[in-house]
Amino acid sequence: NFKETSEGLWSHLAVDGSESYRKGSGGGYLSGKGVVPQHFQNMTFVSRRFRTCKKPTFAELLQLSTMAFKTSIATFFFCLLFCGPVVVQAQWKLHSDRDGIQVYTKTVPNSPFKALKTICHVETSLTRLTAVLLDVKNTKDWVYATKICKLLKQTSPSELYYYSEVTLPWPASNRDFIIRIAVTQDPKTKALTVIAENQPDYVPAQKNIVRIRESEAHWLITPMPNGLVRVEYTMQVDPSGLLPAWLVNMFVSKGPYQTLKMLREQVKKPMYSNVQLGFIKD
């Protein structure tokens, strides 16, 4: 008699009224009372029994069924916890390392434009660095390719909205964007988090300037010994329009390096020497 199971096609042969077990095309054995799949043969007991072609007792088959059930349950939870939906995250790759400024890039799911992360140490205080970040009118002195930067609204000492226009090489059109910037400080570590949230519809778009509608950026500023702070700036921008991704990726990888390099110089200016910010503790 032939039967088809999940293990393949099996055959059963009765000889002189007693049952024996014959290997089928699926690589297992079939008895008159049930199938013993191939993977059971890996167990010592089953291998021994079937090498001698002796019929296992009911108790032995029950033991095998119990073991198989426990194994299936264990396998299920292992897959659920460790082999279940796995999302492979792209890793940061070092793009450049100059003057103590490291620029990293990584691919972003469903986007042709790379994310950027820039890390460096700056000799300054938390207060002075925060003052520079919130000093919108002088942003063009240190942020790469900034043509115009103006304050739109100050909602609190630690939060504001600003407009900026960025110069791009010919023949590309300039880009502009509106950002909400907000500063918070961890009371225990004193580390600062500065978010830069895109607000593309805060003011009307201008003619001949392409509005950037999608961007994410934030600063993580951590106090270090010897009067240093660690600055980590992460951003990902879709510049809109018809710019090819390779050109944008080449352009923006230069921008963070130049920006952080100029930031080191900006914090040294006398205008920030005596700044006091009530929401920042150095």
Protein backbone atom coordinates (compact mmCIF):
# COMPACT_ATOMS: atom_id res chain seq x y z
CA ASN A 1 0.00 0.00 0.00
CA PHE A 2 1.21 3.50 -0.77
CA LYS A 3 0.45 6.67 1.15
CA GLU A 4 1.50 10.32 0.69
CA THR A 5 2.47 12.25 3.78
CA SER A 6 4.32 15.46 4.58
CA GLU A 7 7.50 13.40 4.43
CA GLY A 8 6.84 12.13 0.90
CA LEU A 9 5.66 8.79 -0.57
CA TRP A 10 5.86 5.83 1.79
CA SER A 11 5.34 2.07 1.40
CA HIS A 12 4.15 -0.47 3.90
CA LEU A 13 4.80 -4.20 3.57
CA ALA A 14 3.28 -6.98 5.68
CA VAL A 15 5.25 -10.24 5.80
CA ASP A 16 3.84 -13.38 7.43
CA GLY A 17 1.34 -11.40 9.43
CA SER A 18 4.00 -9.24 11.11
CA GLU A 19 4.84 -5.64 10.30
CA SER A 20 8.15 -4.43 9.06
CA TYR A 21 9.25 -0.95 8.04
CA ARG A 22 10.51 0.05 4.63
CA LYS A 23 12.17 3.33 3.77
CA GLY A 24 10.06 5.41 1.39
CA SER A 25 10.90 8.09 -1.13
CA GLY A 26 10.66 10.80 1.54
CA GLY A 27 13.46 9.25 3.57
CA GLY A 28 11.37 7.89 6.49
CA TYR A 29 9.50 4.76 7.51
CA LEU A 30 5.84 3.75 7.64
CA SER A 31 4.17 1.24 9.92
CA GLY A 32 0.63 -0.04 9.86
CA LYS A 33 -0.17 2.20 12.80
CA GLY A 34 1.49 5.41 11.80
CA VAL A 35 4.35 7.24 10.16
CA VAL A 36 7.72 7.69 11.80
CA PRO A 37 9.33 10.65 10.00
CA GLN A 38 12.95 10.89 8.97
CA HIS A 39 13.96 13.32 11.70
CA PHE A 40 13.04 10.71 14.38
CA GLN A 41 15.85 8.54 13.05
CA ASN A 42 18.34 10.98 14.48
CA MET A 43 17.31 9.85 17.96
CA THR A 44 19.38 6.93 19.29
CA PHE A 45 16.39 4.81 20.17
CA VAL A 46 14.70 5.06 16.81
CA SER A 47 17.87 4.46 14.83
CA ARG A 48 18.53 1.32 16.82
CA ARG A 49 14.98 0.04 16.47
CA PHE A 50 14.74 0.51 12.74
CA ARG A 51 18.15 -0.86 11.96
CA THR A 52 16.88 -4.19 13.33
CA CYS A 53 13.45 -3.69 11.70
CA LYS A 54 11.68 -4.48 14.98
CA LYS A 55 8.32 -3.03 15.75
CA PRO A 56 8.49 -0.45 18.63
CA THR A 57 6.06 -0.90 21.49
CA PHE A 58 3.11 1.43 22.02
CA ALA A 59 4.89 2.99 25.02
CA GLU A 60 7.96 3.69 22.90
CA LEU A 61 5.89 5.34 20.14
CA LEU A 62 4.09 7.43 22.78
CA GLN A 63 7.46 8.53 24.14
CA LEU A 64 8.53 9.53 20.61
CA SER A 65 5.32 11.51 20.06
CA THR A 66 5.77 13.36 23.36
CA MET A 67 9.38 14.19 22.52
CA ALA A 68 8.37 15.41 19.07
CA PHE A 69 5.63 17.63 20.53
CA LYS A 70 8.02 19.20 23.04
CA THR A 71 10.60 19.74 20.32
CA SER A 72 8.01 21.41 18.07
CA ILE A 73 6.89 23.75 20.86
CA ALA A 74 10.47 24.69 21.71
CA THR A 75 11.26 25.29 18.05
CA PHE A 76 8.19 27.49 17.66
CA PHE A 77 9.13 29.79 20.56
CA PHE A 78 12.76 29.94 19.44
CA CYS A 79 11.67 31.07 15.97
CA LEU A 80 9.18 33.51 17.46
CA LEU A 81 11.79 35.15 19.69
CA PHE A 82 14.92 34.93 17.61
CA CYS A 83 14.03 34.05 14.04
CA GLY A 84 10.79 35.96 13.73
CA PRO A 85 10.43 39.13 11.68
CA VAL A 86 13.96 40.42 11.32
CA VAL A 87 14.65 43.91 10.01
CA VAL A 88 18.22 44.35 8.85
CA GLN A 89 19.38 47.81 9.77
CA ALA A 90 21.98 49.53 7.66
CA GLN A 91 25.25 50.25 9.44
CA TRP A 92 27.02 53.58 9.62
CA LYS A 93 30.11 53.67 7.39
CA LEU A 94 32.97 56.08 7.90
CA HIS A 95 33.07 58.47 4.95
CA SER A 96 35.85 60.81 6.07
CA ASP A 97 37.99 61.55 9.12
CA ARG A 98 39.78 64.91 9.04
CA ASP A 99 40.81 67.32 11.77
CA GLY A 100 39.09 65.20 14.38
CA ILE A 101 35.77 65.40 12.51
CA GLN A 102 34.30 62.05 11.49
CA VAL A 103 31.56 61.96 8.87
CA TYR A 104 29.53 58.76 8.56
CA THR A 105 26.93 57.76 5.98
CA LYS A 106 24.35 55.01 5.77
CA THR A 107 21.60 54.00 3.38
CA VAL A 108 18.00 54.72 4.31
CA PRO A 109 15.14 52.30 3.51
CA ASN A 110 12.95 53.47 0.64
CA SER A 111 15.14 56.50 -0.07
CA PRO A 112 17.99 57.08 -2.55
CA PHE A 113 19.49 59.70 -0.23
CA LYS A 114 21.94 58.74 2.47
CA ALA A 115 21.71 59.69 6.13
CA LEU A 116 24.69 61.51 7.62
CA LYS A 117 26.23 61.56 11.06
CA THR A 118 29.05 63.90 12.05
CA ILE A 119 31.01 63.59 15.30
CA CYS A 120 33.65 65.86 16.78
CA HIS A 121 34.85 67.45 20.02
CA VAL A 122 34.58 71.19 20.56
CA GLU A 123 36.38 73.22 23.19
CA THR A 124 33.50 75.18 24.68
CA SER A 125 30.73 75.05 27.28
CA LEU A 126 27.22 73.74 26.89
CA THR A 127 25.84 77.26 27.31
CA ARG A 128 28.01 78.82 24.63
CA LEU A 129 27.33 76.07 22.15
CA THR A 130 23.58 76.31 22.75
CA ALA A 131 23.75 80.06 22.30
CA VAL A 132 25.38 79.57 18.91
CA LEU A 133 22.72 77.09 17.78
CA LEU A 134 19.93 79.47 18.78
CA ASP A 135 21.60 82.55 17.28
CA VAL A 136 19.71 82.25 14.01
CA LYS A 137 20.77 85.58 12.49
CA ASN A 138 24.43 84.51 12.49
CA THR A 139 23.88 80.95 11.29
CA LYS A 140 25.16 81.81 7.82
CA ASP A 141 28.59 82.48 9.35
CA TRP A 142 29.16 78.81 10.10
CA VAL A 143 26.52 76.54 8.50
CA TYR A 144 27.72 75.38 5.10
CA ALA A 145 26.11 76.95 2.00
CA THR A 146 23.61 79.05 3.99
CA LYS A 147 22.55 82.16 2.06
CA ILE A 148 19.79 83.47 4.33
CA CYS A 149 18.70 82.53 7.84
CA LYS A 150 16.09 84.50 9.76
CA LEU A 151 14.01 84.07 12.88
CA LEU A 152 10.29 83.54 12.32
CA LYS A 153 9.05 83.01 15.85
CA GLN A 154 10.53 82.56 19.34
CA THR A 155 8.11 80.39 21.32
CA SER A 156 10.31 80.05 24.42
CA PRO A 157 13.94 80.56 25.43
CA SER A 158 14.67 77.01 24.25
CA GLU A 159 12.39 76.80 21.19
CA LEU A 160 12.07 78.78 17.97
CA TYR A 161 11.13 78.63 14.29
CA TYR A 162 13.47 79.87 11.56
CA TYR A 163 13.65 80.12 7.80
CA SER A 164 16.79 79.28 5.81
CA GLU A 165 17.80 79.35 2.16
CA VAL A 166 20.64 77.13 0.98
CA THR A 167 22.78 77.88 -2.07
CA LEU A 168 23.30 74.99 -4.51
CA PRO A 169 25.74 74.96 -7.43
CA TRP A 170 24.46 75.96 -10.89
CA PRO A 171 22.35 74.77 -12.63
CA ALA A 172 20.44 73.56 -9.55
CA SER A 173 17.92 75.87 -7.91
CA ASN A 174 18.42 77.02 -4.34
CA ARG A 175 16.53 75.19 -1.60
CA ASP A 176 14.76 76.60 1.42
CA PHE A 177 13.23 75.13 4.54
CA ILE A 178 11.52 76.07 7.79
CA ILE A 179 12.76 74.43 10.96
CA ARG A 180 11.43 74.21 14.48
CA ILE A 181 14.40 73.87 16.81
CA ALA A 182 14.03 72.84 20.47
CA VAL A 183 16.67 72.24 23.14
CA THR A 184 16.28 69.92 26.13
CA GLN A 185 18.78 68.87 28.79
CA ASP A 186 19.03 65.66 30.75
CA PRO A 187 19.14 66.74 34.43
CA LYS A 188 21.37 63.82 35.41
CA THR A 189 23.94 63.62 32.60
CA LYS A 190 23.57 67.28 31.50
CA ALA A 191 23.61 66.07 27.90
CA LEU A 192 21.70 68.22 25.45
CA THR A 193 19.34 67.05 22.74
CA VAL A 194 18.51 69.53 20.00
CA ILE A 195 15.83 68.53 17.54
CA ALA A 196 15.44 70.22 14.17
CA GLU A 197 11.93 69.48 12.93
CA ASN A 198 10.89 70.32 9.39
CA GLN A 199 7.82 72.59 9.08
CA PRO A 200 7.43 72.91 5.29
CA ASP A 201 4.08 74.71 5.34
CA TYR A 202 4.83 77.20 8.09
CA VAL A 203 5.29 79.98 5.50
CA PRO A 204 4.35 80.04 1.79
CA ALA A 205 6.87 78.76 -0.75
CA GLN A 206 8.80 81.31 -2.81
CA LYS A 207 9.14 81.51 -6.57
CA ASN A 208 12.29 79.96 -8.10
CA ILE A 209 13.27 78.31 -4.78
CA VAL A 210 12.54 74.64 -4.15
CA ARG A 211 11.02 73.95 -0.74
CA ILE A 212 12.57 71.05 1.18
CA ARG A 213 9.63 69.11 2.57
CA GLU A 214 11.31 66.08 4.10
CA SER A 215 14.21 66.23 6.53
CA GLU A 216 15.19 64.85 9.92
CA ALA A 217 18.02 66.19 12.06
CA HIS A 218 19.12 66.32 15.67
CA TRP A 219 22.12 67.19 17.79
CA LEU A 220 23.36 65.21 20.76
CA ILE A 221 25.79 67.30 22.82
CA THR A 222 27.56 65.61 25.71
CA PRO A 223 29.85 67.29 28.28
CA MET A 224 33.36 65.82 28.45
CA PRO A 225 36.36 66.38 30.74
CA ASN A 226 38.89 69.18 30.21
CA GLY A 227 36.42 71.75 28.93
CA LEU A 228 35.30 69.77 25.89
CA VAL A 229 31.90 68.77 24.59
CA ARG A 230 31.19 65.91 22.25
CA VAL A 231 28.98 66.94 19.34
CA GLU A 232 27.04 64.38 17.33
CA TYR A 233 24.94 65.72 14.49
CA THR A 234 22.67 63.37 12.53
CA MET A 235 20.61 64.33 9.49
CA GLN A 236 18.77 62.90 6.52
CA VAL A 237 17.34 65.15 3.81
CA ASP A 238 15.33 64.72 0.66
CA PRO A 239 16.17 67.91 -1.27
CA SER A 240 13.08 67.66 -3.49
CA GLY A 241 13.09 68.63 -7.14
CA LEU A 242 15.04 66.82 -9.85
CA LEU A 243 18.51 66.58 -8.33
CA PRO A 244 20.13 63.17 -8.87
CA ALA A 245 20.85 61.26 -5.68
CA TRP A 246 24.57 60.85 -6.46
CA LEU A 247 24.99 64.64 -6.69
CA VAL A 248 23.12 65.25 -3.45
CA ASN A 249 25.07 62.58 -1.58
CA MET A 250 28.34 64.09 -2.79
CA PHE A 251 27.28 67.62 -1.84
CA VAL A 252 25.90 66.92 1.63
CA SER A 253 28.85 64.78 2.69
CA LYS A 254 31.00 67.89 2.36
CA GLY A 255 28.56 70.13 4.21
CA PRO A 256 28.68 68.51 7.68
CA TYR A 257 32.48 68.57 7.78
CA GLN A 258 32.65 72.25 6.84
CA THR A 259 29.82 73.09 9.26
CA LEU A 260 31.44 71.44 12.28
CA LYS A 261 34.81 72.92 11.40
CA MET A 262 33.30 76.43 11.34
CA LEU A 263 31.31 75.74 14.52
CA ARG A 264 34.59 75.33 16.40
CA GLU A 265 35.51 78.84 15.37
CA GLN A 266 32.07 80.35 15.91
CA VAL A 267 31.90 79.44 19.62
CA LYS A 268 35.13 81.37 20.22
CA LYS A 269 33.64 84.71 19.19
CA PRO A 270 33.35 87.32 21.99
CA MET A 271 29.59 87.75 21.47
CA TYR A 272 29.02 84.42 23.23
CA SER A 273 31.45 84.94 26.13
CA ASN A 274 28.97 86.20 28.72
CA VAL A 275 25.80 84.48 27.56
CA GLN A 276 23.58 83.07 30.31
CA LEU A 277 20.79 80.60 29.57
CA GLY A 278 18.50 79.72 32.43
CA PHE A 279 17.52 76.34 30.99
CA ILE A 280 21.13 75.12 30.61
CA LYS A 281 23.41 73.90 33.40
CA ASP A 282 27.08 73.54 32.53
